[in-house]
Amino acid sequence: MDDRLKELMQELGNAINESLSDSDRIAAAIGEIKRAGYDVFLVLEATIGFNKRDESDEDDQAESMDVQSVSTSERIRWTSQDTKFLKALKILVDDEKE
């Protein structure tokens, strides 16, 4: 793994930690647990995947499709990377349904 990628991954980890630390909602929930007489140990695990893009992936990006958000009327961009990610999680993509 090259040094720049390591640096970017560390930056992402720091950003995630900082956002959790700064969350008033998380702090309030932890405070309630402590007030109930419990110690709190929060351990989160994140799996972050990445692939080096090549020219064919860039072509796939151009062939992204619009998807209607389930919870809102917004449209989101759905790329081939999104599809690969969902397949890796064993989540069925609509166009694969029988």
PDB file of N, CA and C in Angstrom:
ATOM      1  N   MET A   1       0.844  -1.171   0.000  1.00  0.00           N
ATOM      2  CA  MET A   1       0.000   0.000   0.000  1.00  0.00           C
ATOM      3  C   MET A   1       0.896   1.243   0.000  1.00  0.00           C
ATOM      4  N   ASP A   2       0.582   2.185  -0.873  1.00  0.00           N
ATOM      5  CA  ASP A   2       1.456   3.353  -0.958  1.00  0.00           C
ATOM      6  C   ASP A   2       1.212   4.329   0.196  1.00  0.00           C
ATOM      7  N   ASP A   3       2.188   5.179   0.431  1.00  0.00           N
ATOM      8  CA  ASP A   3       2.147   6.096   1.576  1.00  0.00           C
ATOM      9  C   ASP A   3       0.968   7.061   1.504  1.00  0.00           C
ATOM     10  N   ARG A   4       0.637   7.530   0.308  1.00  0.00           N
ATOM     11  CA  ARG A   4      -0.483   8.476   0.159  1.00  0.00           C
ATOM     12  C   ARG A   4      -1.797   7.810   0.563  1.00  0.00           C
ATOM     13  N   LEU A   5      -1.997   6.560   0.168  1.00  0.00           N
ATOM     14  CA  LEU A   5      -3.211   5.850   0.536  1.00  0.00           C
ATOM     15  C   LEU A   5      -3.271   5.645   2.054  1.00  0.00           C
ATOM     16  N   LYS A   6      -2.148   5.299   2.658  1.00  0.00           N
ATOM     17  CA  LYS A   6      -2.108   5.143   4.120  1.00  0.00           C
ATOM     18  C   LYS A   6      -2.494   6.453   4.802  1.00  0.00           C
ATOM     19  N   GLU A   7      -1.972   7.547   4.287  1.00  0.00           N
ATOM     20  CA  GLU A   7      -2.278   8.867   4.842  1.00  0.00           C
ATOM     21  C   GLU A   7      -3.768   9.185   4.716  1.00  0.00           C
ATOM     22  N   LEU A   8      -4.339   8.884   3.558  1.00  0.00           N
ATOM     23  CA  LEU A   8      -5.762   9.142   3.340  1.00  0.00           C
ATOM     24  C   LEU A   8      -6.634   8.268   4.237  1.00  0.00           C
ATOM     25  N   MET A   9      -6.234   7.006   4.428  1.00  0.00           N
ATOM     26  CA  MET A   9      -6.984   6.110   5.298  1.00  0.00           C
ATOM     27  C   MET A   9      -6.921   6.589   6.747  1.00  0.00           C
ATOM     28  N   GLN A  10      -5.761   7.061   7.174  1.00  0.00           N
ATOM     29  CA  GLN A  10      -5.623   7.599   8.527  1.00  0.00           C
ATOM     30  C   GLN A  10      -6.493   8.829   8.698  1.00  0.00           C
ATOM     31  N   GLU A  11      -6.530   9.674   7.690  1.00  0.00           N
ATOM     32  CA  GLU A  11      -7.365  10.870   7.731  1.00  0.00           C
ATOM     33  C   GLU A  11      -8.841  10.497   7.847  1.00  0.00           C
ATOM     34  N   LEU A  12      -9.264   9.469   7.121  1.00  0.00           N
ATOM     35  CA  LEU A  12     -10.640   9.000   7.200  1.00  0.00           C
ATOM     36  C   LEU A  12     -10.940   8.477   8.602  1.00  0.00           C
ATOM     37  N   GLY A  13     -10.045   7.685   9.157  1.00  0.00           N
ATOM     38  CA  GLY A  13     -10.230   7.170  10.512  1.00  0.00           C
ATOM     39  C   GLY A  13     -10.347   8.288  11.529  1.00  0.00           C
ATOM     40  N   ASN A  14      -9.499   9.284  11.399  1.00  0.00           N
ATOM     41  CA  ASN A  14      -9.553  10.437  12.305  1.00  0.00           C
ATOM     42  C   ASN A  14     -10.878  11.187  12.176  1.00  0.00           C
ATOM     43  N   ALA A  15     -11.349  11.337  10.942  1.00  0.00           N
ATOM     44  CA  ALA A  15     -12.612  12.036  10.712  1.00  0.00           C
ATOM     45  C   ALA A  15     -13.784  11.271  11.331  1.00  0.00           C
ATOM     46  N   ILE A  16     -13.779   9.956  11.208  1.00  0.00           N
ATOM     47  CA  ILE A  16     -14.840   9.140  11.802  1.00  0.00           C
ATOM     48  C   ILE A  16     -14.806   9.256  13.319  1.00  0.00           C
ATOM     49  N   ASN A  17     -13.617   9.112  13.905  1.00  0.00           N
ATOM     50  CA  ASN A  17     -13.492   9.235  15.361  1.00  0.00           C
ATOM     51  C   ASN A  17     -13.949  10.602  15.850  1.00  0.00           C
ATOM     52  N   GLU A  18     -13.542  11.626  15.135  1.00  0.00           N
ATOM     53  CA  GLU A  18     -13.895  12.992  15.532  1.00  0.00           C
ATOM     54  C   GLU A  18     -15.395  13.217  15.443  1.00  0.00           C
ATOM     55  N   SER A  19     -16.025  12.709  14.394  1.00  0.00           N
ATOM     56  CA  SER A  19     -17.465  12.908  14.252  1.00  0.00           C
ATOM     57  C   SER A  19     -18.235  12.186  15.348  1.00  0.00           C
ATOM     58  N   LEU A  20     -17.752  11.005  15.759  1.00  0.00           N
ATOM     59  CA  LEU A  20     -18.398  10.293  16.863  1.00  0.00           C
ATOM     60  C   LEU A  20     -18.192  11.029  18.179  1.00  0.00           C
ATOM     61  N   SER A  21     -16.984  11.526  18.396  1.00  0.00           N
ATOM     62  CA  SER A  21     -16.666  12.247  19.629  1.00  0.00           C
ATOM     63  C   SER A  21     -17.472  13.533  19.757  1.00  0.00           C
ATOM     64  N   ASP A  22     -17.744  14.177  18.640  1.00  0.00           N
ATOM     65  CA  ASP A  22     -18.456  15.451  18.645  1.00  0.00           C
ATOM     66  C   ASP A  22     -19.979  15.302  18.622  1.00  0.00           C
ATOM     67  N   SER A  23     -20.469  14.076  18.569  1.00  0.00           N
ATOM     68  CA  SER A  23     -21.904  13.856  18.459  1.00  0.00           C
ATOM     69  C   SER A  23     -22.609  14.078  19.789  1.00  0.00           C
ATOM     70  N   ASP A  24     -23.466  15.085  19.840  1.00  0.00           N
ATOM     71  CA  ASP A  24     -24.247  15.357  21.043  1.00  0.00           C
ATOM     72  C   ASP A  24     -25.192  14.201  21.351  1.00  0.00           C
ATOM     73  N   ARG A  25     -25.716  13.587  20.314  1.00  0.00           N
ATOM     74  CA  ARG A  25     -26.654  12.473  20.495  1.00  0.00           C
ATOM     75  C   ARG A  25     -25.969  11.273  21.150  1.00  0.00           C
ATOM     76  N   ILE A  26     -24.764  10.948  20.672  1.00  0.00           N
ATOM     77  CA  ILE A  26     -24.011   9.840  21.262  1.00  0.00           C
ATOM     78  C   ILE A  26     -23.637  10.176  22.698  1.00  0.00           C
ATOM     79  N   ALA A  27     -23.166  11.397  22.925  1.00  0.00           N
ATOM     80  CA  ALA A  27     -22.791  11.817  24.277  1.00  0.00           C
ATOM     81  C   ALA A  27     -23.987  11.731  25.226  1.00  0.00           C
ATOM     82  N   ALA A  28     -25.161  12.135  24.761  1.00  0.00           N
ATOM     83  CA  ALA A  28     -26.364  12.085  25.595  1.00  0.00           C
ATOM     84  C   ALA A  28     -26.732  10.639  25.931  1.00  0.00           C
ATOM     85  N   ALA A  29     -26.659   9.753  24.948  1.00  0.00           N
ATOM     86  CA  ALA A  29     -26.995   8.348  25.179  1.00  0.00           C
ATOM     87  C   ALA A  29     -26.023   7.712  26.170  1.00  0.00           C
ATOM     88  N   ILE A  30     -24.735   8.009  26.010  1.00  0.00           N
ATOM     89  CA  ILE A  30     -23.725   7.482  26.941  1.00  0.00           C
ATOM     90  C   ILE A  30     -23.961   8.055  28.340  1.00  0.00           C
ATOM     91  N   GLY A  31     -24.300   9.330  28.418  1.00  0.00           N
ATOM     92  CA  GLY A  31     -24.591   9.961  29.699  1.00  0.00           C
ATOM     93  C   GLY A  31     -25.757   9.287  30.416  1.00  0.00           C
ATOM     94  N   GLU A  32     -26.799   8.954  29.679  1.00  0.00           N
ATOM     95  CA  GLU A  32     -27.961   8.273  30.267  1.00  0.00           C
ATOM     96  C   GLU A  32     -27.571   6.904  30.815  1.00  0.00           C
ATOM     97  N   ILE A  33     -26.748   6.180  30.093  1.00  0.00           N
ATOM     98  CA  ILE A  33     -26.293   4.864  30.551  1.00  0.00           C
ATOM     99  C   ILE A  33     -25.471   5.003  31.822  1.00  0.00           C
ATOM    100  N   LYS A  34     -24.588   6.003  31.847  1.00  0.00           N
ATOM    101  CA  LYS A  34     -23.766   6.232  33.047  1.00  0.00           C
ATOM    102  C   LYS A  34     -24.632   6.625  34.242  1.00  0.00           C
ATOM    103  N   ARG A  35     -25.638   7.476  34.008  1.00  0.00           N
ATOM    104  CA  ARG A  35     -26.535   7.884  35.090  1.00  0.00           C
ATOM    105  C   ARG A  35     -27.338   6.698  35.626  1.00  0.00           C
ATOM    106  N   ALA A  36     -27.521   5.697  34.778  1.00  0.00           N
ATOM    107  CA  ALA A  36     -28.235   4.486  35.207  1.00  0.00           C
ATOM    108  C   ALA A  36     -27.313   3.560  35.997  1.00  0.00           C
ATOM    109  N   GLY A  37     -26.038   3.948  36.152  1.00  0.00           N
ATOM    110  CA  GLY A  37     -25.115   3.191  36.984  1.00  0.00           C
ATOM    111  C   GLY A  37     -24.223   2.202  36.249  1.00  0.00           C
ATOM    112  N   TYR A  38     -24.080   2.384  34.951  1.00  0.00           N
ATOM    113  CA  TYR A  38     -23.268   1.462  34.156  1.00  0.00           C
ATOM    114  C   TYR A  38     -22.039   2.170  33.595  1.00  0.00           C
ATOM    115  N   ASP A  39     -20.956   1.412  33.444  1.00  0.00           N
ATOM    116  CA  ASP A  39     -19.804   1.899  32.693  1.00  0.00           C
ATOM    117  C   ASP A  39     -20.064   1.615  31.221  1.00  0.00           C
ATOM    118  N   VAL A  40     -19.543   2.456  30.364  1.00  0.00           N
ATOM    119  CA  VAL A  40     -19.784   2.302  28.927  1.00  0.00           C
ATOM    120  C   VAL A  40     -18.470   2.035  28.205  1.00  0.00           C
ATOM    121  N   PHE A  41     -18.470   1.018  27.386  1.00  0.00           N
ATOM    122  CA  PHE A  41     -17.345   0.710  26.509  1.00  0.00           C
ATOM    123  C   PHE A  41     -17.888   0.676  25.097  1.00  0.00           C
ATOM    124  N   LEU A  42     -17.465   1.609  24.292  1.00  0.00           N
ATOM    125  CA  LEU A  42     -17.963   1.713  22.926  1.00  0.00           C
ATOM    126  C   LEU A  42     -16.868   1.289  21.967  1.00  0.00           C
ATOM    127  N   VAL A  43     -17.115   0.208  21.257  1.00  0.00           N
ATOM    128  CA  VAL A  43     -16.174  -0.280  20.251  1.00  0.00           C
ATOM    129  C   VAL A  43     -16.948  -0.419  18.949  1.00  0.00           C
ATOM    130  N   LEU A  44     -16.522   0.301  17.954  1.00  0.00           N
ATOM    131  CA  LEU A  44     -17.154   0.216  16.643  1.00  0.00           C
ATOM    132  C   LEU A  44     -16.164  -0.349  15.646  1.00  0.00           C
ATOM    133  N   GLU A  45     -16.662  -1.139  14.732  1.00  0.00           N
ATOM    134  CA  GLU A  45     -15.805  -1.685  13.689  1.00  0.00           C
ATOM    135  C   GLU A  45     -16.343  -1.230  12.343  1.00  0.00           C
ATOM    136  N   ALA A  46     -15.473  -0.733  11.535  1.00  0.00           N
ATOM    137  CA  ALA A  46     -15.862  -0.304  10.196  1.00  0.00           C
ATOM    138  C   ALA A  46     -15.020  -1.063   9.183  1.00  0.00           C
ATOM    139  N   THR A  47     -15.673  -1.536   8.157  1.00  0.00           N
ATOM    140  CA  THR A  47     -14.958  -2.167   7.062  1.00  0.00           C
ATOM    141  C   THR A  47     -15.032  -1.211   5.883  1.00  0.00           C
ATOM    142  N   ILE A  48     -13.894  -0.792   5.430  1.00  0.00           N
ATOM    143  CA  ILE A  48     -13.838   0.152   4.317  1.00  0.00           C
ATOM    144  C   ILE A  48     -13.057  -0.511   3.198  1.00  0.00           C
ATOM    145  N   GLY A  49     -13.705  -0.677   2.076  1.00  0.00           N
ATOM    146  CA  GLY A  49     -13.047  -1.298   0.929  1.00  0.00           C
ATOM    147  C   GLY A  49     -12.653  -0.254  -0.089  1.00  0.00           C
ATOM    148  N   PHE A  50     -11.651  -0.555  -0.841  1.00  0.00           N
ATOM    149  CA  PHE A  50     -11.246   0.347  -1.901  1.00  0.00           C
ATOM    150  C   PHE A  50     -10.582  -0.460  -3.007  1.00  0.00           C
ATOM    151  N   ASN A  51     -10.735   0.023  -4.207  1.00  0.00           N
ATOM    152  CA  ASN A  51     -10.113  -0.570  -5.387  1.00  0.00           C
ATOM    153  C   ASN A  51      -9.426   0.539  -6.158  1.00  0.00           C
ATOM    154  N   LYS A  52      -8.308   0.230  -6.730  1.00  0.00           N
ATOM    155  CA  LYS A  52      -7.663   1.182  -7.639  1.00  0.00           C
ATOM    156  C   LYS A  52      -8.480   1.190  -8.922  1.00  0.00           C
ATOM    157  N   ARG A  53      -8.940   2.364  -9.329  1.00  0.00           N
ATOM    158  CA  ARG A  53      -9.733   2.474 -10.551  1.00  0.00           C
ATOM    159  C   ARG A  53      -8.838   2.374 -11.764  1.00  0.00           C
ATOM    160  N   ASP A  54      -9.361   1.754 -12.792  1.00  0.00           N
ATOM    161  CA  ASP A  54      -8.677   1.764 -14.078  1.00  0.00           C
ATOM    162  C   ASP A  54      -9.627   2.372 -15.105  1.00  0.00           C
ATOM    163  N   GLU A  55      -9.230   2.402 -16.346  1.00  0.00           N
ATOM    164  CA  GLU A  55     -10.037   3.061 -17.368  1.00  0.00           C
ATOM    165  C   GLU A  55     -11.406   2.421 -17.525  1.00  0.00           C
ATOM    166  N   SER A  56     -11.508   1.102 -17.421  1.00  0.00           N
ATOM    167  CA  SER A  56     -12.808   0.452 -17.585  1.00  0.00           C
ATOM    168  C   SER A  56     -13.747   0.821 -16.445  1.00  0.00           C
ATOM    169  N   ASP A  57     -13.233   1.020 -15.224  1.00  0.00           N
ATOM    170  CA  ASP A  57     -14.063   1.450 -14.106  1.00  0.00           C
ATOM    171  C   ASP A  57     -14.598   2.848 -14.348  1.00  0.00           C
ATOM    172  N   GLU A  58     -13.786   3.711 -14.936  1.00  0.00           N
ATOM    173  CA  GLU A  58     -14.242   5.057 -15.233  1.00  0.00           C
ATOM    174  C   GLU A  58     -15.375   5.023 -16.248  1.00  0.00           C
ATOM    175  N   ASP A  59     -15.319   4.089 -17.211  1.00  0.00           N
ATOM    176  CA  ASP A  59     -16.419   3.929 -18.158  1.00  0.00           C
ATOM    177  C   ASP A  59     -17.672   3.471 -17.422  1.00  0.00           C
ATOM    178  N   ASP A  60     -17.510   2.546 -16.456  1.00  0.00           N
ATOM    179  CA  ASP A  60     -18.637   2.071 -15.663  1.00  0.00           C
ATOM    180  C   ASP A  60     -19.256   3.215 -14.877  1.00  0.00           C
ATOM    181  N   GLN A  61     -18.421   4.122 -14.348  1.00  0.00           N
ATOM    182  CA  GLN A  61     -18.929   5.254 -13.587  1.00  0.00           C
ATOM    183  C   GLN A  61     -19.849   6.100 -14.462  1.00  0.00           C
ATOM    184  N   ALA A  62     -19.515   6.233 -15.724  1.00  0.00           N
ATOM    185  CA  ALA A  62     -20.316   7.034 -16.631  1.00  0.00           C
ATOM    186  C   ALA A  62     -21.665   6.379 -16.897  1.00  0.00           C
ATOM    187  N   GLU A  63     -21.765   5.076 -16.665  1.00  0.00           N
ATOM    188  CA  GLU A  63     -23.005   4.350 -16.908  1.00  0.00           C
ATOM    189  C   GLU A  63     -23.809   4.181 -15.629  1.00  0.00           C
ATOM    190  N   SER A  64     -23.712   5.131 -14.710  1.00  0.00           N
ATOM    191  CA  SER A  64     -24.454   5.031 -13.465  1.00  0.00           C
ATOM    192  C   SER A  64     -25.937   5.224 -13.735  1.00  0.00           C
ATOM    193  N   MET A  65     -26.764   4.749 -12.786  1.00  0.00           N
ATOM    194  CA  MET A  65     -28.202   4.874 -12.974  1.00  0.00           C
ATOM    195  C   MET A  65     -28.805   5.626 -11.801  1.00  0.00           C
ATOM    196  N   ASP A  66     -29.941   6.270 -12.046  1.00  0.00           N
ATOM    197  CA  ASP A  66     -30.655   6.967 -10.979  1.00  0.00           C
ATOM    198  C   ASP A  66     -31.493   5.953 -10.209  1.00  0.00           C
ATOM    199  N   VAL A  67     -31.538   6.131  -8.891  1.00  0.00           N
ATOM    200  CA  VAL A  67     -32.327   5.251  -8.032  1.00  0.00           C
ATOM    201  C   VAL A  67     -33.162   6.130  -7.118  1.00  0.00           C
ATOM    202  N   GLN A  68     -34.431   5.793  -6.960  1.00  0.00           N
ATOM    203  CA  GLN A  68     -35.300   6.537  -6.059  1.00  0.00           C
ATOM    204  C   GLN A  68     -34.999   6.122  -4.624  1.00  0.00           C
ATOM    205  N   SER A  69     -34.761   7.078  -3.762  1.00  0.00           N
ATOM    206  CA  SER A  69     -34.528   6.801  -2.348  1.00  0.00           C
ATOM    207  C   SER A  69     -35.810   6.271  -1.727  1.00  0.00           C
ATOM    208  N   VAL A  70     -35.691   5.245  -0.888  1.00  0.00           N
ATOM    209  CA  VAL A  70     -36.865   4.637  -0.269  1.00  0.00           C
ATOM    210  C   VAL A  70     -37.536   5.605   0.697  1.00  0.00           C
ATOM    211  N   SER A  71     -36.755   6.363   1.460  1.00  0.00           N
ATOM    212  CA  SER A  71     -37.320   7.194   2.515  1.00  0.00           C
ATOM    213  C   SER A  71     -37.686   8.600   2.063  1.00  0.00           C
ATOM    214  N   THR A  72     -37.247   9.015   0.901  1.00  0.00           N
ATOM    215  CA  THR A  72     -37.555  10.365   0.433  1.00  0.00           C
ATOM    216  C   THR A  72     -37.856  10.318  -1.055  1.00  0.00           C
ATOM    217  N   SER A  73     -38.223  11.453  -1.579  1.00  0.00           N
ATOM    218  CA  SER A  73     -38.483  11.530  -3.015  1.00  0.00           C
ATOM    219  C   SER A  73     -37.233  11.929  -3.790  1.00  0.00           C
ATOM    220  N   GLU A  74     -36.084  11.996  -3.106  1.00  0.00           N
ATOM    221  CA  GLU A  74     -34.833  12.369  -3.761  1.00  0.00           C
ATOM    222  C   GLU A  74     -34.382  11.296  -4.733  1.00  0.00           C
ATOM    223  N   ARG A  75     -33.621  11.719  -5.725  1.00  0.00           N
ATOM    224  CA  ARG A  75     -32.965  10.786  -6.644  1.00  0.00           C
ATOM    225  C   ARG A  75     -31.506  10.725  -6.247  1.00  0.00           C
ATOM    226  N   ILE A  76     -30.930   9.533  -6.262  1.00  0.00           N
ATOM    227  CA  ILE A  76     -29.514   9.378  -5.966  1.00  0.00           C
ATOM    228  C   ILE A  76     -28.832   8.726  -7.153  1.00  0.00           C
ATOM    229  N   ARG A  77     -27.534   8.950  -7.286  1.00  0.00           N
ATOM    230  CA  ARG A  77     -26.759   8.352  -8.377  1.00  0.00           C
ATOM    231  C   ARG A  77     -26.265   6.996  -7.910  1.00  0.00           C
ATOM    232  N   TRP A  78     -26.482   5.973  -8.692  1.00  0.00           N
ATOM    233  CA  TRP A  78     -26.116   4.604  -8.373  1.00  0.00           C
ATOM    234  C   TRP A  78     -25.064   4.182  -9.384  1.00  0.00           C
ATOM    235  N   THR A  79     -23.844   3.962  -8.930  1.00  0.00           N
ATOM    236  CA  THR A  79     -22.754   3.628  -9.844  1.00  0.00           C
ATOM    237  C   THR A  79     -22.456   2.139  -9.822  1.00  0.00           C
ATOM    238  N   SER A  80     -21.596   1.707 -10.713  1.00  0.00           N
ATOM    239  CA  SER A  80     -21.191   0.304 -10.737  1.00  0.00           C
ATOM    240  C   SER A  80     -20.450  -0.061  -9.455  1.00  0.00           C
ATOM    241  N   GLN A  81     -19.735   0.900  -8.852  1.00  0.00           N
ATOM    242  CA  GLN A  81     -19.058   0.646  -7.584  1.00  0.00           C
ATOM    243  C   GLN A  81     -20.088   0.360  -6.483  1.00  0.00           C
ATOM    244  N   ASP A  82     -21.209   1.090  -6.505  1.00  0.00           N
ATOM    245  CA  ASP A  82     -22.280   0.828  -5.537  1.00  0.00           C
ATOM    246  C   ASP A  82     -22.798  -0.594  -5.698  1.00  0.00           C
ATOM    247  N   THR A  83     -23.013  -0.997  -6.926  1.00  0.00           N
ATOM    248  CA  THR A  83     -23.508  -2.339  -7.196  1.00  0.00           C
ATOM    249  C   THR A  83     -22.512  -3.395  -6.722  1.00  0.00           C
ATOM    250  N   LYS A  84     -21.223  -3.189  -6.998  1.00  0.00           N
ATOM    251  CA  LYS A  84     -20.194  -4.133  -6.541  1.00  0.00           C
ATOM    252  C   LYS A  84     -20.188  -4.233  -5.027  1.00  0.00           C
ATOM    253  N   PHE A  85     -20.321  -3.085  -4.348  1.00  0.00           N
ATOM    254  CA  PHE A  85     -20.321  -3.058  -2.893  1.00  0.00           C
ATOM    255  C   PHE A  85     -21.508  -3.837  -2.338  1.00  0.00           C
ATOM    256  N   LEU A  86     -22.697  -3.592  -2.894  1.00  0.00           N
ATOM    257  CA  LEU A  86     -23.882  -4.303  -2.422  1.00  0.00           C
ATOM    258  C   LEU A  86     -23.773  -5.805  -2.662  1.00  0.00           C
ATOM    259  N   LYS A  87     -23.235  -6.186  -3.815  1.00  0.00           N
ATOM    260  CA  LYS A  87     -23.040  -7.613  -4.100  1.00  0.00           C
ATOM    261  C   LYS A  87     -22.069  -8.232  -3.106  1.00  0.00           C
ATOM    262  N   ALA A  88     -21.027  -7.491  -2.724  1.00  0.00           N
ATOM    263  CA  ALA A  88     -20.061  -7.992  -1.744  1.00  0.00           C
ATOM    264  C   ALA A  88     -20.732  -8.228  -0.397  1.00  0.00           C
ATOM    265  N   LEU A  89     -21.758  -7.439  -0.095  1.00  0.00           N
ATOM    266  CA  LEU A  89     -22.511  -7.609   1.143  1.00  0.00           C
ATOM    267  C   LEU A  89     -23.649  -8.615   0.974  1.00  0.00           C
ATOM    268  N   LYS A  90     -23.710  -9.222  -0.211  1.00  0.00           N
ATOM    269  CA  LYS A  90     -24.755 -10.194  -0.541  1.00  0.00           C
ATOM    270  C   LYS A  90     -26.144  -9.555  -0.515  1.00  0.00           C
ATOM    271  N   ILE A  91     -26.229  -8.306  -0.972  1.00  0.00           N
ATOM    272  CA  ILE A  91     -27.487  -7.604  -1.095  1.00  0.00           C
ATOM    273  C   ILE A  91     -27.905  -7.643  -2.553  1.00  0.00           C
ATOM    274  N   LEU A  92     -29.118  -8.118  -2.801  1.00  0.00           N
ATOM    275  CA  LEU A  92     -29.622  -8.276  -4.154  1.00  0.00           C
ATOM    276  C   LEU A  92     -29.934  -6.916  -4.766  1.00  0.00           C
ATOM    277  N   VAL A  93     -29.456  -6.682  -5.951  1.00  0.00           N
ATOM    278  CA  VAL A  93     -29.708  -5.445  -6.670  1.00  0.00           C
ATOM    279  C   VAL A  93     -30.985  -5.648  -7.486  1.00  0.00           C
ATOM    280  N   ASP A  94     -31.832  -4.605  -7.576  1.00  0.00           N
ATOM    281  CA  ASP A  94     -33.140  -4.723  -8.214  1.00  0.00           C
ATOM    282  C   ASP A  94     -33.128  -5.423  -9.558  1.00  0.00           C
ATOM    283  N   ASP A  95     -32.191  -5.097 -10.425  1.00  0.00           N
ATOM    284  CA  ASP A  95     -32.203  -5.697 -11.763  1.00  0.00           C
ATOM    285  C   ASP A  95     -31.826  -7.181 -11.733  1.00  0.00           C
ATOM    286  N   GLU A  96     -31.469  -7.738 -10.568  1.00  0.00           N
ATOM    287  CA  GLU A  96     -31.139  -9.140 -10.454  1.00  0.00           C
ATOM    288  C   GLU A  96     -32.273  -9.967  -9.874  1.00  0.00           C
ATOM    289  N   LYS A  97     -33.344  -9.301  -9.439  1.00  0.00           N
ATOM    290  CA  LYS A  97     -34.473 -10.013  -8.841  1.00  0.00           C
ATOM    291  C   LYS A  97     -35.113 -10.908  -9.877  1.00  0.00           C
ATOM    292  N   GLU A  98     -35.599 -12.039  -9.410  1.00  0.00           N
ATOM    293  CA  GLU A  98     -36.231 -12.987 -10.338  1.00  0.00           C
ATOM    294  C   GLU A  98     -37.681 -12.653 -10.549  1.00  0.00           C
TER     295      GLU A  98
END
